[in-house]
Amino acid sequence: GKTTLITQAANLAWERGMFVVTSAGNEGDGRWQYIGAPADAEGAIAVAAVDRDGQRAGFSSMGPTADSRAKPDLAAMGEATVVASPGGYYS
């Protein structure tokens, strides 16, 4: 939560008044399932992905941080999500 360059940058931005939002990560279905940099920054809002039932998407990284802080901070629909595409289409 304090050592990587990107995490230090996120914390510095937060300290200077910027609202830092980042993905919790996509390691949930991998060997390392936990959040990493910069989601581990104290000053970053880490966002996990959930499915339509509000359950964590399998790929979305989980907490806690290496120093036992509760993360991710919030979740948003991220699996089987409908999005607008250029030209007025949805996919």
N, C-alpha and C. Protein backbone atom coordinates (compact mmCIF):
# COMPACT_ATOMS: atom_id res chain seq x y z
N GLY A 1 0.78 -1.20 0.00
CA GLY A 1 0.00 0.00 0.00
C GLY A 1 0.83 1.27 0.00
N LYS A 2 2.16 1.13 0.03
CA LYS A 2 2.99 2.33 0.10
C LYS A 2 4.26 2.25 -0.74
N THR A 3 4.56 1.11 -1.33
CA THR A 3 5.89 0.95 -1.93
C THR A 3 5.94 1.14 -3.44
N THR A 4 4.95 0.71 -4.19
CA THR A 4 5.06 0.83 -5.65
C THR A 4 4.90 2.29 -6.08
N LEU A 5 5.52 2.62 -7.19
CA LEU A 5 5.49 3.99 -7.71
C LEU A 5 4.06 4.44 -7.99
N ILE A 6 3.24 3.58 -8.60
CA ILE A 6 1.88 3.95 -8.93
C ILE A 6 1.03 4.17 -7.68
N THR A 7 1.26 3.40 -6.64
CA THR A 7 0.55 3.59 -5.37
C THR A 7 0.99 4.89 -4.71
N GLN A 8 2.28 5.18 -4.74
CA GLN A 8 2.76 6.44 -4.19
C GLN A 8 2.14 7.62 -4.94
N ALA A 9 2.03 7.50 -6.27
CA ALA A 9 1.43 8.57 -7.07
C ALA A 9 -0.05 8.74 -6.72
N ALA A 10 -0.77 7.65 -6.52
CA ALA A 10 -2.18 7.73 -6.14
C ALA A 10 -2.33 8.42 -4.79
N ASN A 11 -1.48 8.06 -3.83
CA ASN A 11 -1.54 8.69 -2.51
C ASN A 11 -1.19 10.18 -2.58
N LEU A 12 -0.20 10.53 -3.39
CA LEU A 12 0.19 11.93 -3.55
C LEU A 12 -0.95 12.73 -4.19
N ALA A 13 -1.58 12.17 -5.20
CA ALA A 13 -2.71 12.84 -5.84
C ALA A 13 -3.83 13.08 -4.83
N TRP A 14 -4.11 12.07 -4.02
CA TRP A 14 -5.15 12.18 -2.99
C TRP A 14 -4.81 13.28 -1.99
N GLU A 15 -3.57 13.30 -1.56
CA GLU A 15 -3.12 14.32 -0.59
C GLU A 15 -3.23 15.72 -1.16
N ARG A 16 -3.16 15.85 -2.48
CA ARG A 16 -3.27 17.16 -3.14
C ARG A 16 -4.69 17.49 -3.56
N GLY A 17 -5.63 16.69 -3.12
CA GLY A 17 -7.04 17.00 -3.33
C GLY A 17 -7.71 16.34 -4.52
N MET A 18 -7.04 15.42 -5.17
CA MET A 18 -7.65 14.72 -6.30
C MET A 18 -8.41 13.50 -5.82
N PHE A 19 -9.51 13.22 -6.47
CA PHE A 19 -10.33 12.05 -6.17
C PHE A 19 -9.81 10.91 -7.02
N VAL A 20 -9.18 9.91 -6.42
CA VAL A 20 -8.53 8.82 -7.14
C VAL A 20 -9.41 7.57 -7.11
N VAL A 21 -9.83 7.12 -8.29
CA VAL A 21 -10.67 5.93 -8.42
C VAL A 21 -9.96 4.95 -9.34
N THR A 22 -9.90 3.69 -8.91
CA THR A 22 -9.20 2.67 -9.70
C THR A 22 -9.93 1.34 -9.59
N SER A 23 -9.70 0.50 -10.56
CA SER A 23 -10.22 -0.86 -10.52
C SER A 23 -9.57 -1.62 -9.37
N ALA A 24 -10.32 -2.50 -8.75
CA ALA A 24 -9.75 -3.36 -7.71
C ALA A 24 -8.74 -4.33 -8.34
N GLY A 25 -8.89 -4.59 -9.61
CA GLY A 25 -8.00 -5.49 -10.32
C GLY A 25 -8.74 -6.68 -10.90
N ASN A 26 -8.05 -7.43 -11.72
CA ASN A 26 -8.64 -8.58 -12.41
C ASN A 26 -7.93 -9.88 -12.05
N GLU A 27 -7.57 -10.02 -10.80
CA GLU A 27 -6.83 -11.20 -10.35
C GLU A 27 -7.69 -12.20 -9.59
N GLY A 28 -8.99 -11.97 -9.50
CA GLY A 28 -9.86 -12.80 -8.69
C GLY A 28 -9.89 -14.27 -9.05
N ASP A 29 -9.73 -14.58 -10.33
CA ASP A 29 -9.74 -15.98 -10.73
C ASP A 29 -8.35 -16.50 -11.04
N GLY A 30 -7.34 -15.76 -10.64
CA GLY A 30 -5.95 -16.17 -10.85
C GLY A 30 -5.32 -16.74 -9.59
N ARG A 31 -4.05 -17.03 -9.67
CA ARG A 31 -3.34 -17.58 -8.52
C ARG A 31 -3.29 -16.59 -7.36
N TRP A 32 -3.00 -15.31 -7.68
CA TRP A 32 -3.02 -14.24 -6.69
C TRP A 32 -4.37 -13.56 -6.83
N GLN A 33 -5.24 -13.66 -5.84
CA GLN A 33 -6.62 -13.18 -5.96
C GLN A 33 -6.85 -11.80 -5.38
N TYR A 34 -5.84 -11.22 -4.80
CA TYR A 34 -6.02 -9.99 -4.03
C TYR A 34 -5.70 -8.73 -4.83
N ILE A 35 -6.20 -7.61 -4.33
CA ILE A 35 -5.95 -6.34 -5.00
C ILE A 35 -4.47 -6.01 -4.96
N GLY A 36 -4.05 -5.24 -5.93
CA GLY A 36 -2.67 -4.80 -6.00
C GLY A 36 -2.61 -3.31 -6.25
N ALA A 37 -1.48 -2.86 -6.73
CA ALA A 37 -1.28 -1.44 -6.98
C ALA A 37 -2.08 -0.99 -8.22
N PRO A 38 -2.65 0.17 -8.21
CA PRO A 38 -2.70 1.19 -7.17
C PRO A 38 -3.92 1.06 -6.26
N ALA A 39 -4.71 -0.02 -6.44
CA ALA A 39 -5.91 -0.19 -5.63
C ALA A 39 -5.61 -0.32 -4.15
N ASP A 40 -4.37 -0.67 -3.81
CA ASP A 40 -4.00 -0.83 -2.41
C ASP A 40 -3.65 0.50 -1.73
N ALA A 41 -3.63 1.59 -2.49
CA ALA A 41 -3.31 2.90 -1.91
C ALA A 41 -4.39 3.34 -0.93
N GLU A 42 -3.96 3.89 0.19
CA GLU A 42 -4.93 4.39 1.17
C GLU A 42 -5.81 5.47 0.56
N GLY A 43 -5.24 6.27 -0.34
CA GLY A 43 -5.98 7.37 -0.94
C GLY A 43 -6.76 7.02 -2.18
N ALA A 44 -6.77 5.76 -2.58
CA ALA A 44 -7.50 5.35 -3.78
C ALA A 44 -8.80 4.65 -3.43
N ILE A 45 -9.84 4.97 -4.18
CA ILE A 45 -11.11 4.26 -4.06
C ILE A 45 -11.01 3.07 -5.00
N ALA A 46 -10.97 1.87 -4.46
CA ALA A 46 -10.85 0.64 -5.25
C ALA A 46 -12.25 0.10 -5.54
N VAL A 47 -12.54 -0.11 -6.83
CA VAL A 47 -13.87 -0.55 -7.27
C VAL A 47 -13.81 -1.99 -7.76
N ALA A 48 -14.59 -2.85 -7.12
CA ALA A 48 -14.70 -4.24 -7.54
C ALA A 48 -15.81 -4.38 -8.57
N ALA A 49 -15.81 -5.49 -9.29
CA ALA A 49 -16.87 -5.79 -10.26
C ALA A 49 -17.82 -6.82 -9.66
N VAL A 50 -19.11 -6.61 -9.89
CA VAL A 50 -20.13 -7.57 -9.45
C VAL A 50 -21.00 -7.95 -10.64
N ASP A 51 -21.75 -9.05 -10.48
CA ASP A 51 -22.68 -9.47 -11.52
C ASP A 51 -24.06 -8.89 -11.24
N ARG A 52 -25.04 -9.26 -12.04
CA ARG A 52 -26.39 -8.70 -11.89
C ARG A 52 -27.04 -9.03 -10.55
N ASP A 53 -26.54 -10.05 -9.86
CA ASP A 53 -27.08 -10.42 -8.55
C ASP A 53 -26.32 -9.78 -7.40
N GLY A 54 -25.34 -8.95 -7.72
CA GLY A 54 -24.56 -8.29 -6.69
C GLY A 54 -23.44 -9.15 -6.13
N GLN A 55 -23.17 -10.27 -6.77
CA GLN A 55 -22.09 -11.15 -6.33
C GLN A 55 -20.79 -10.75 -7.03
N ARG A 56 -19.67 -10.90 -6.35
CA ARG A 56 -18.39 -10.55 -6.94
C ARG A 56 -18.18 -11.31 -8.23
N ALA A 57 -17.81 -10.58 -9.28
CA ALA A 57 -17.47 -11.22 -10.55
C ALA A 57 -16.21 -12.06 -10.32
N GLY A 58 -16.16 -13.23 -10.90
CA GLY A 58 -15.06 -14.15 -10.66
C GLY A 58 -13.68 -13.57 -10.91
N PHE A 59 -13.57 -12.68 -11.88
CA PHE A 59 -12.28 -12.09 -12.22
C PHE A 59 -11.87 -10.94 -11.31
N SER A 60 -12.81 -10.38 -10.56
CA SER A 60 -12.54 -9.18 -9.76
C SER A 60 -11.71 -9.50 -8.52
N SER A 61 -10.64 -8.73 -8.35
CA SER A 61 -9.75 -8.94 -7.19
C SER A 61 -10.47 -8.67 -5.88
N MET A 62 -10.02 -9.30 -4.82
CA MET A 62 -10.63 -9.13 -3.50
C MET A 62 -9.61 -8.59 -2.51
N GLY A 63 -10.13 -8.19 -1.35
CA GLY A 63 -9.28 -7.72 -0.27
C GLY A 63 -9.08 -8.82 0.73
N PRO A 64 -8.44 -8.52 1.82
CA PRO A 64 -7.97 -7.19 2.23
C PRO A 64 -6.63 -6.85 1.60
N THR A 65 -6.10 -5.68 1.95
CA THR A 65 -4.78 -5.29 1.49
C THR A 65 -3.73 -6.09 2.26
N ALA A 66 -2.49 -5.97 1.83
CA ALA A 66 -1.39 -6.68 2.49
C ALA A 66 -1.26 -6.28 3.95
N ASP A 67 -1.66 -5.03 4.29
CA ASP A 67 -1.58 -4.58 5.68
C ASP A 67 -2.95 -4.66 6.38
N SER A 68 -3.83 -5.51 5.85
CA SER A 68 -5.13 -5.86 6.45
C SER A 68 -6.19 -4.78 6.43
N ARG A 69 -6.06 -3.78 5.55
CA ARG A 69 -7.14 -2.79 5.41
C ARG A 69 -8.24 -3.38 4.55
N ALA A 70 -9.49 -3.01 4.85
CA ALA A 70 -10.63 -3.49 4.08
C ALA A 70 -10.66 -2.80 2.72
N LYS A 71 -10.56 -3.55 1.67
CA LYS A 71 -10.66 -3.09 0.29
C LYS A 71 -11.31 -4.22 -0.47
N PRO A 72 -11.95 -4.06 -1.56
CA PRO A 72 -12.25 -2.83 -2.25
C PRO A 72 -13.24 -1.97 -1.48
N ASP A 73 -13.34 -0.72 -1.91
CA ASP A 73 -14.17 0.25 -1.21
C ASP A 73 -15.62 0.25 -1.68
N LEU A 74 -15.85 -0.10 -2.91
CA LEU A 74 -17.21 -0.18 -3.44
C LEU A 74 -17.21 -1.11 -4.63
N ALA A 75 -18.41 -1.38 -5.16
CA ALA A 75 -18.53 -2.29 -6.30
C ALA A 75 -19.51 -1.71 -7.30
N ALA A 76 -19.34 -2.12 -8.55
CA ALA A 76 -20.23 -1.70 -9.62
C ALA A 76 -20.43 -2.87 -10.58
N MET A 77 -21.52 -2.84 -11.31
CA MET A 77 -21.80 -3.88 -12.30
C MET A 77 -20.63 -3.96 -13.27
N GLY A 78 -20.07 -5.14 -13.41
CA GLY A 78 -18.90 -5.29 -14.26
C GLY A 78 -18.87 -6.59 -15.03
N GLU A 79 -19.89 -7.41 -14.87
CA GLU A 79 -19.94 -8.68 -15.60
C GLU A 79 -21.26 -8.73 -16.36
N ALA A 80 -21.19 -9.09 -17.64
CA ALA A 80 -22.38 -9.12 -18.51
C ALA A 80 -23.06 -7.75 -18.52
N THR A 81 -22.26 -6.72 -18.63
CA THR A 81 -22.75 -5.35 -18.62
C THR A 81 -23.07 -4.90 -20.04
N VAL A 82 -24.20 -4.23 -20.20
CA VAL A 82 -24.58 -3.67 -21.48
C VAL A 82 -23.99 -2.26 -21.55
N VAL A 83 -23.31 -1.97 -22.65
CA VAL A 83 -22.69 -0.64 -22.82
C VAL A 83 -23.08 -0.06 -24.18
N ALA A 84 -23.14 1.27 -24.23
CA ALA A 84 -23.40 1.96 -25.49
C ALA A 84 -22.15 1.97 -26.33
N SER A 85 -22.32 1.73 -27.63
CA SER A 85 -21.22 1.73 -28.58
C SER A 85 -21.40 2.90 -29.56
N PRO A 86 -20.34 3.28 -30.24
CA PRO A 86 -20.47 4.34 -31.24
C PRO A 86 -21.54 4.00 -32.27
N GLY A 87 -22.26 5.01 -32.73
CA GLY A 87 -23.29 4.78 -33.72
C GLY A 87 -24.65 4.47 -33.11
N GLY A 88 -24.77 4.52 -31.80
CA GLY A 88 -26.06 4.30 -31.14
C GLY A 88 -26.40 2.85 -30.89
N TYR A 89 -25.44 1.98 -30.97
CA TYR A 89 -25.69 0.55 -30.72
C TYR A 89 -25.32 0.19 -29.28
N TYR A 90 -25.83 -0.95 -28.86
CA TYR A 90 -25.51 -1.47 -27.53
C TYR A 90 -24.85 -2.82 -27.69
N SER A 91 -23.91 -3.11 -26.81
CA SER A 91 -23.26 -4.42 -26.87
C SER A 91 -23.07 -4.95 -25.47
